[in-house]
PDB file of all heavy atoms in Angstrom:
ATOM      1  N   ALA A   1      17.158  33.646   9.326  1.00  0.00           N
ATOM      2  CA  ALA A   1      17.621  32.494  10.104  1.00  0.00           C
ATOM      3  C   ALA A   1      19.138  32.377  10.071  1.00  0.00           C
ATOM      4  O   ALA A   1      19.758  31.942  11.041  1.00  0.00           O
ATOM      5  CB  ALA A   1      16.981  31.208   9.564  1.00  0.00           C
ATOM      6  N   ASN A   2      19.750  32.790   8.968  1.00  0.00           N
ATOM      7  CA  ASN A   2      21.195  32.660   8.810  1.00  0.00           C
ATOM      8  C   ASN A   2      21.950  33.754   9.576  1.00  0.00           C
ATOM      9  O   ASN A   2      22.962  33.486  10.230  1.00  0.00           O
ATOM     10  CB  ASN A   2      21.557  32.723   7.328  1.00  0.00           C
ATOM     11  CG  ASN A   2      23.028  32.452   7.088  1.00  0.00           C
ATOM     12  OD1 ASN A   2      23.633  31.612   7.759  1.00  0.00           O
ATOM     13  ND2 ASN A   2      23.617  33.169   6.151  1.00  0.00           N
ATOM     14  N   LYS A   3      21.447  34.975   9.527  1.00  0.00           N
ATOM     15  CA  LYS A   3      22.170  36.108  10.121  1.00  0.00           C
ATOM     16  C   LYS A   3      21.777  36.388  11.567  1.00  0.00           C
ATOM     17  O   LYS A   3      22.562  36.968  12.326  1.00  0.00           O
ATOM     18  CB  LYS A   3      21.935  37.370   9.285  1.00  0.00           C
ATOM     19  CG  LYS A   3      22.452  37.282   7.857  1.00  0.00           C
ATOM     20  CD  LYS A   3      23.957  37.202   7.836  1.00  0.00           C
ATOM     21  CE  LYS A   3      24.483  37.225   6.395  1.00  0.00           C
ATOM     22  NZ  LYS A   3      25.971  37.144   6.345  1.00  0.00           N
ATOM     23  N   GLY A   4      20.578  36.035  11.974  1.00  0.00           N
ATOM     24  CA  GLY A   4      20.133  36.280  13.340  1.00  0.00           C
ATOM     25  C   GLY A   4      20.047  37.753  13.666  1.00  0.00           C
ATOM     26  O   GLY A   4      19.491  38.536  12.896  1.00  0.00           O
ATOM     27  N   ILE A   5      20.655  38.163  14.768  1.00  0.00           N
ATOM     28  CA  ILE A   5      20.570  39.576  15.176  1.00  0.00           C
ATOM     29  C   ILE A   5      21.396  40.480  14.284  1.00  0.00           C
ATOM     30  O   ILE A   5      21.278  41.708  14.361  1.00  0.00           O
ATOM     31  CB  ILE A   5      21.012  39.773  16.645  1.00  0.00           C
ATOM     32  CG1 ILE A   5      22.513  39.466  16.790  1.00  0.00           C
ATOM     33  CG2 ILE A   5      20.179  38.929  17.593  1.00  0.00           C
ATOM     34  CD1 ILE A   5      23.089  39.954  18.115  1.00  0.00           C
ATOM     35  N   TYR A   6      22.230  39.875  13.441  1.00  0.00           N
ATOM     36  CA  TYR A   6      23.108  40.677  12.601  1.00  0.00           C
ATOM     37  C   TYR A   6      22.522  40.964  11.221  1.00  0.00           C
ATOM     38  O   TYR A   6      23.176  41.550  10.373  1.00  0.00           O
ATOM     39  CB  TYR A   6      24.468  39.988  12.459  1.00  0.00           C
ATOM     40  CG  TYR A   6      25.148  39.785  13.795  1.00  0.00           C
ATOM     41  CD1 TYR A   6      25.217  38.530  14.377  1.00  0.00           C
ATOM     42  CD2 TYR A   6      25.684  40.875  14.482  1.00  0.00           C
ATOM     43  CE1 TYR A   6      25.826  38.342  15.612  1.00  0.00           C
ATOM     44  CE2 TYR A   6      26.287  40.704  15.722  1.00  0.00           C
ATOM     45  CZ  TYR A   6      26.354  39.434  16.281  1.00  0.00           C
ATOM     46  OH  TYR A   6      26.943  39.274  17.509  1.00  0.00           O
ATOM     47  N   ARG A   7      21.296  40.541  11.000  1.00  0.00           N
ATOM     48  CA  ARG A   7      20.676  40.830   9.704  1.00  0.00           C
ATOM     49  C   ARG A   7      20.287  42.308   9.649  1.00  0.00           C
ATOM     50  O   ARG A   7      20.135  42.970  10.687  1.00  0.00           O
ATOM     51  CB  ARG A   7      19.439  39.959   9.495  1.00  0.00           C
ATOM     52  CG  ARG A   7      18.267  40.317  10.416  1.00  0.00           C
ATOM     53  CD  ARG A   7      17.053  39.460  10.127  1.00  0.00           C
ATOM     54  NE  ARG A   7      15.954  39.778  11.024  1.00  0.00           N
ATOM     55  CZ  ARG A   7      15.098  40.758  10.829  1.00  0.00           C
ATOM     56  NH1 ARG A   7      15.242  41.574   9.793  1.00  0.00           N
ATOM     57  NH2 ARG A   7      14.104  40.958  11.678  1.00  0.00           N
ATOM     58  N   ARG A   8      20.090  42.788   8.434  1.00  0.00           N
ATOM     59  CA  ARG A   8      19.663  44.169   8.265  1.00  0.00           C
ATOM     60  C   ARG A   8      18.200  44.299   8.682  1.00  0.00           C
ATOM     61  O   ARG A   8      17.384  43.440   8.422  1.00  0.00           O
ATOM     62  CB  ARG A   8      19.807  44.602   6.809  1.00  0.00           C
ATOM     63  CG  ARG A   8      21.256  44.702   6.350  1.00  0.00           C
ATOM     64  CD  ARG A   8      21.308  45.126   4.909  1.00  0.00           C
ATOM     65  NE  ARG A   8      22.703  45.216   4.442  1.00  0.00           N
ATOM     66  CZ  ARG A   8      23.040  45.520   3.195  1.00  0.00           C
ATOM     67  NH1 ARG A   8      22.086  45.772   2.300  1.00  0.00           N
ATOM     68  NH2 ARG A   8      24.307  45.590   2.846  1.00  0.00           N
ATOM     69  N   GLY A   9      17.882  45.378   9.348  1.00  0.00           N
ATOM     70  CA  GLY A   9      16.504  45.585   9.766  1.00  0.00           C
ATOM     71  C   GLY A   9      16.454  46.466  10.993  1.00  0.00           C
ATOM     72  O   GLY A   9      17.473  46.977  11.477  1.00  0.00           O
ATOM     73  N   SER A  10      15.256  46.658  11.510  1.00  0.00           N
ATOM     74  CA  SER A  10      15.043  47.529  12.665  1.00  0.00           C
ATOM     75  C   SER A  10      15.599  46.891  13.931  1.00  0.00           C
ATOM     76  O   SER A  10      15.236  45.771  14.292  1.00  0.00           O
ATOM     77  CB  SER A  10      13.540  47.789  12.841  1.00  0.00           C
ATOM     78  OG  SER A  10      13.292  48.397  14.083  1.00  0.00           O
ATOM     79  N   THR A  11      16.507  47.641  14.593  1.00  0.00           N
ATOM     80  CA  THR A  11      17.058  47.160  15.854  1.00  0.00           C
ATOM     81  C   THR A  11      15.967  47.085  16.910  1.00  0.00           C
ATOM     82  O   THR A  11      15.914  46.156  17.714  1.00  0.00           O
ATOM     83  CB  THR A  11      18.179  48.093  16.341  1.00  0.00           C
ATOM     84  OG1 THR A  11      19.191  48.174  15.344  1.00  0.00           O
ATOM     85  CG2 THR A  11      18.793  47.582  17.632  1.00  0.00           C
ATOM     86  N   LYS A  12      15.078  48.038  16.893  1.00  0.00           N
ATOM     87  CA  LYS A  12      13.969  48.072  17.850  1.00  0.00           C
ATOM     88  C   LYS A  12      13.094  46.830  17.705  1.00  0.00           C
ATOM     89  O   LYS A  12      12.703  46.205  18.693  1.00  0.00           O
ATOM     90  CB  LYS A  12      13.139  49.333  17.622  1.00  0.00           C
ATOM     91  CG  LYS A  12      11.956  49.488  18.566  1.00  0.00           C
ATOM     92  CD  LYS A  12      11.281  50.833  18.344  1.00  0.00           C
ATOM     93  CE  LYS A  12      10.077  51.002  19.267  1.00  0.00           C
ATOM     94  NZ  LYS A  12       8.984  50.090  18.949  1.00  0.00           N
ATOM     95  N   THR A  13      12.811  46.449  16.464  1.00  0.00           N
ATOM     96  CA  THR A  13      11.987  45.273  16.214  1.00  0.00           C
ATOM     97  C   THR A  13      12.693  43.996  16.683  1.00  0.00           C
ATOM     98  O   THR A  13      12.071  43.101  17.258  1.00  0.00           O
ATOM     99  CB  THR A  13      11.668  45.152  14.709  1.00  0.00           C
ATOM    100  OG1 THR A  13      10.955  46.321  14.290  1.00  0.00           O
ATOM    101  CG2 THR A  13      10.821  43.913  14.427  1.00  0.00           C
ATOM    102  N   MET A  14      14.012  43.945  16.464  1.00  0.00           N
ATOM    103  CA  MET A  14      14.779  42.766  16.879  1.00  0.00           C
ATOM    104  C   MET A  14      14.757  42.639  18.401  1.00  0.00           C
ATOM    105  O   MET A  14      14.606  41.542  18.942  1.00  0.00           O
ATOM    106  CB  MET A  14      16.213  42.871  16.382  1.00  0.00           C
ATOM    107  CG  MET A  14      17.066  41.654  16.727  1.00  0.00           C
ATOM    108  SD  MET A  14      16.495  40.150  15.912  1.00  0.00           S
ATOM    109  CE  MET A  14      16.955  40.517  14.211  1.00  0.00           C
ATOM    110  N   ILE A  15      14.881  43.756  19.107  1.00  0.00           N
ATOM    111  CA  ILE A  15      14.824  43.730  20.574  1.00  0.00           C
ATOM    112  C   ILE A  15      13.449  43.261  21.036  1.00  0.00           C
ATOM    113  O   ILE A  15      13.328  42.471  21.977  1.00  0.00           O
ATOM    114  CB  ILE A  15      15.149  45.127  21.153  1.00  0.00           C
ATOM    115  CG1 ILE A  15      16.601  45.496  20.861  1.00  0.00           C
ATOM    116  CG2 ILE A  15      14.875  45.165  22.664  1.00  0.00           C
ATOM    117  CD1 ILE A  15      16.964  46.932  21.209  1.00  0.00           C
ATOM    118  N   GLU A  16      12.403  43.728  20.363  1.00  0.00           N
ATOM    119  CA  GLU A  16      11.036  43.307  20.705  1.00  0.00           C
ATOM    120  C   GLU A  16      10.848  41.807  20.482  1.00  0.00           C
ATOM    121  O   GLU A  16      10.188  41.133  21.275  1.00  0.00           O
ATOM    122  CB  GLU A  16      10.031  44.096  19.870  1.00  0.00           C
ATOM    123  CG  GLU A  16       9.945  45.565  20.269  1.00  0.00           C
ATOM    124  CD  GLU A  16       9.047  46.359  19.344  1.00  0.00           C
ATOM    125  OE1 GLU A  16       8.601  45.784  18.312  1.00  0.00           O
ATOM    126  OE2 GLU A  16       8.782  47.546  19.641  1.00  0.00           O
ATOM    127  N   ASN A  17      11.453  41.290  19.407  1.00  0.00           N
ATOM    128  CA  ASN A  17      11.363  39.846  19.134  1.00  0.00           C
ATOM    129  C   ASN A  17      12.055  39.035  20.227  1.00  0.00           C
ATOM    130  O   ASN A  17      11.542  38.009  20.673  1.00  0.00           O
ATOM    131  CB  ASN A  17      11.995  39.524  17.771  1.00  0.00           C
ATOM    132  CG  ASN A  17      11.136  39.986  16.613  1.00  0.00           C
ATOM    133  OD1 ASN A  17       9.931  40.163  16.745  1.00  0.00           O
ATOM    134  ND2 ASN A  17      11.768  40.198  15.462  1.00  0.00           N
ATOM    135  N   ILE A  18      13.227  39.520  20.651  1.00  0.00           N
ATOM    136  CA  ILE A  18      13.959  38.821  21.719  1.00  0.00           C
ATOM    137  C   ILE A  18      13.149  38.836  23.014  1.00  0.00           C
ATOM    138  O   ILE A  18      13.034  37.818  23.708  1.00  0.00           O
ATOM    139  CB  ILE A  18      15.342  39.456  21.938  1.00  0.00           C
ATOM    140  CG1 ILE A  18      16.251  39.158  20.748  1.00  0.00           C
ATOM    141  CG2 ILE A  18      15.975  38.945  23.240  1.00  0.00           C
ATOM    142  CD1 ILE A  18      17.616  39.801  20.826  1.00  0.00           C
ATOM    143  N   ASN A  19      12.559  39.998  23.348  1.00  0.00           N
ATOM    144  CA  ASN A  19      11.743  40.088  24.562  1.00  0.00           C
ATOM    145  C   ASN A  19      10.551  39.140  24.500  1.00  0.00           C
ATOM    146  O   ASN A  19      10.184  38.513  25.503  1.00  0.00           O
ATOM    147  CB  ASN A  19      11.257  41.525  24.768  1.00  0.00           C
ATOM    148  CG  ASN A  19      12.370  42.453  25.210  1.00  0.00           C
ATOM    149  OD1 ASN A  19      13.349  42.011  25.821  1.00  0.00           O
ATOM    150  ND2 ASN A  19      12.229  43.733  24.904  1.00  0.00           N
ATOM    151  N   SER A  20       9.952  39.034  23.325  1.00  0.00           N
ATOM    152  CA  SER A  20       8.800  38.150  23.148  1.00  0.00           C
ATOM    153  C   SER A  20       9.199  36.682  23.336  1.00  0.00           C
ATOM    154  O   SER A  20       8.506  35.909  23.993  1.00  0.00           O
ATOM    155  CB  SER A  20       8.196  38.345  21.754  1.00  0.00           C
ATOM    156  OG  SER A  20       7.115  37.450  21.554  1.00  0.00           O
ATOM    157  N   ILE A  21      10.360  36.308  22.753  1.00  0.00           N
ATOM    158  CA  ILE A  21      10.849  34.927  22.901  1.00  0.00           C
ATOM    159  C   ILE A  21      11.166  34.625  24.362  1.00  0.00           C
ATOM    160  O   ILE A  21      10.793  33.572  24.881  1.00  0.00           O
ATOM    161  CB  ILE A  21      12.098  34.696  22.024  1.00  0.00           C
ATOM    162  CG1 ILE A  21      11.735  34.796  20.540  1.00  0.00           C
ATOM    163  CG2 ILE A  21      12.715  33.327  22.318  1.00  0.00           C
ATOM    164  CD1 ILE A  21      12.930  34.803  19.610  1.00  0.00           C
ATOM    165  N   LEU A  22      11.828  35.572  25.030  1.00  0.00           N
ATOM    166  CA  LEU A  22      12.165  35.375  26.441  1.00  0.00           C
ATOM    167  C   LEU A  22      10.910  35.168  27.285  1.00  0.00           C
ATOM    168  O   LEU A  22      10.889  34.352  28.212  1.00  0.00           O
ATOM    169  CB  LEU A  22      12.953  36.579  26.966  1.00  0.00           C
ATOM    170  CG  LEU A  22      14.407  36.685  26.512  1.00  0.00           C
ATOM    171  CD1 LEU A  22      14.995  38.044  26.869  1.00  0.00           C
ATOM    172  CD2 LEU A  22      15.249  35.569  27.142  1.00  0.00           C
ATOM    173  N   ASN A  23       9.864  35.896  26.950  1.00  0.00           N
ATOM    174  CA  ASN A  23       8.605  35.765  27.677  1.00  0.00           C
ATOM    175  C   ASN A  23       7.972  34.389  27.456  1.00  0.00           C
ATOM    176  O   ASN A  23       7.419  33.785  28.377  1.00  0.00           O
ATOM    177  CB  ASN A  23       7.646  36.874  27.228  1.00  0.00           C
ATOM    178  CG  ASN A  23       6.334  36.808  27.980  1.00  0.00           C
ATOM    179  OD1 ASN A  23       6.294  36.899  29.208  1.00  0.00           O
ATOM    180  ND2 ASN A  23       5.249  36.661  27.235  1.00  0.00           N
ATOM    181  N   LYS A  24       8.086  33.868  26.233  1.00  0.00           N
ATOM    182  CA  LYS A  24       7.459  32.589  25.902  1.00  0.00           C
ATOM    183  C   LYS A  24       8.216  31.385  26.452  1.00  0.00           C
ATOM    184  O   LYS A  24       7.640  30.316  26.624  1.00  0.00           O
ATOM    185  CB  LYS A  24       7.307  32.470  24.387  1.00  0.00           C
ATOM    186  CG  LYS A  24       6.270  33.421  23.821  1.00  0.00           C
ATOM    187  CD  LYS A  24       6.257  33.433  22.299  1.00  0.00           C
ATOM    188  CE  LYS A  24       5.226  34.435  21.788  1.00  0.00           C
ATOM    189  NZ  LYS A  24       5.224  34.546  20.312  1.00  0.00           N
ATOM    190  N   ILE A  25       9.512  31.558  26.719  1.00  0.00           N
ATOM    191  CA  ILE A  25      10.300  30.408  27.189  1.00  0.00           C
ATOM    192  C   ILE A  25      10.692  30.533  28.652  1.00  0.00           C
ATOM    193  O   ILE A  25      11.466  29.719  29.165  1.00  0.00           O
ATOM    194  CB  ILE A  25      11.580  30.226  26.338  1.00  0.00           C
ATOM    195  CG1 ILE A  25      12.558  31.380  26.563  1.00  0.00           C
ATOM    196  CG2 ILE A  25      11.246  30.059  24.873  1.00  0.00           C
ATOM    197  CD1 ILE A  25      13.918  31.164  25.928  1.00  0.00           C
ATOM    198  N   GLU A  26      10.146  31.532  29.352  1.00  0.00           N
ATOM    199  CA  GLU A  26      10.613  31.817  30.705  1.00  0.00           C
ATOM    200  C   GLU A  26      10.375  30.658  31.681  1.00  0.00           C
ATOM    201  O   GLU A  26      11.096  30.534  32.683  1.00  0.00           O
ATOM    202  CB  GLU A  26       9.935  33.082  31.239  1.00  0.00           C
ATOM    203  CG  GLU A  26       8.430  32.991  31.393  1.00  0.00           C
ATOM    204  CD  GLU A  26       7.838  34.267  31.972  1.00  0.00           C
ATOM    205  OE1 GLU A  26       8.617  35.089  32.487  1.00  0.00           O
ATOM    206  OE2 GLU A  26       6.599  34.431  31.891  1.00  0.00           O
ATOM    207  N   ASN A  27       9.395  29.809  31.431  1.00  0.00           N
ATOM    208  CA  ASN A  27       9.095  28.703  32.353  1.00  0.00           C
ATOM    209  C   ASN A  27       9.621  27.353  31.867  1.00  0.00           C
ATOM    210  O   ASN A  27       9.241  26.316  32.405  1.00  0.00           O
ATOM    211  CB  ASN A  27       7.581  28.612  32.565  1.00  0.00           C
ATOM    212  CG  ASN A  27       7.019  29.846  33.241  1.00  0.00           C
ATOM    213  OD1 ASN A  27       7.618  30.391  34.160  1.00  0.00           O
ATOM    214  ND2 ASN A  27       5.850  30.271  32.779  1.00  0.00           N
ATOM    215  N   GLU A  28      10.480  27.362  30.862  1.00  0.00           N
ATOM    216  CA  GLU A  28      10.920  26.108  30.252  1.00  0.00           C
ATOM    217  C   GLU A  28      12.312  25.650  30.687  1.00  0.00           C
ATOM    218  O   GLU A  28      12.852  24.699  30.137  1.00  0.00           O
ATOM    219  CB  GLU A  28      10.911  26.249  28.713  1.00  0.00           C
ATOM    220  CG  GLU A  28       9.593  26.721  28.136  1.00  0.00           C
ATOM    221  CD  GLU A  28       8.429  25.810  28.468  1.00  0.00           C
ATOM    222  OE1 GLU A  28       8.677  24.657  28.867  1.00  0.00           O
ATOM    223  OE2 GLU A  28       7.276  26.259  28.344  1.00  0.00           O
TER     224      GLU A  28
END
């Protein structure tokens, strides 16, 4: 929560998370 996209971890997974969030909020 503190680092966001800049935290250590899989870049591919982070992109997938962003795509998932975008899909869930697309009508809001």
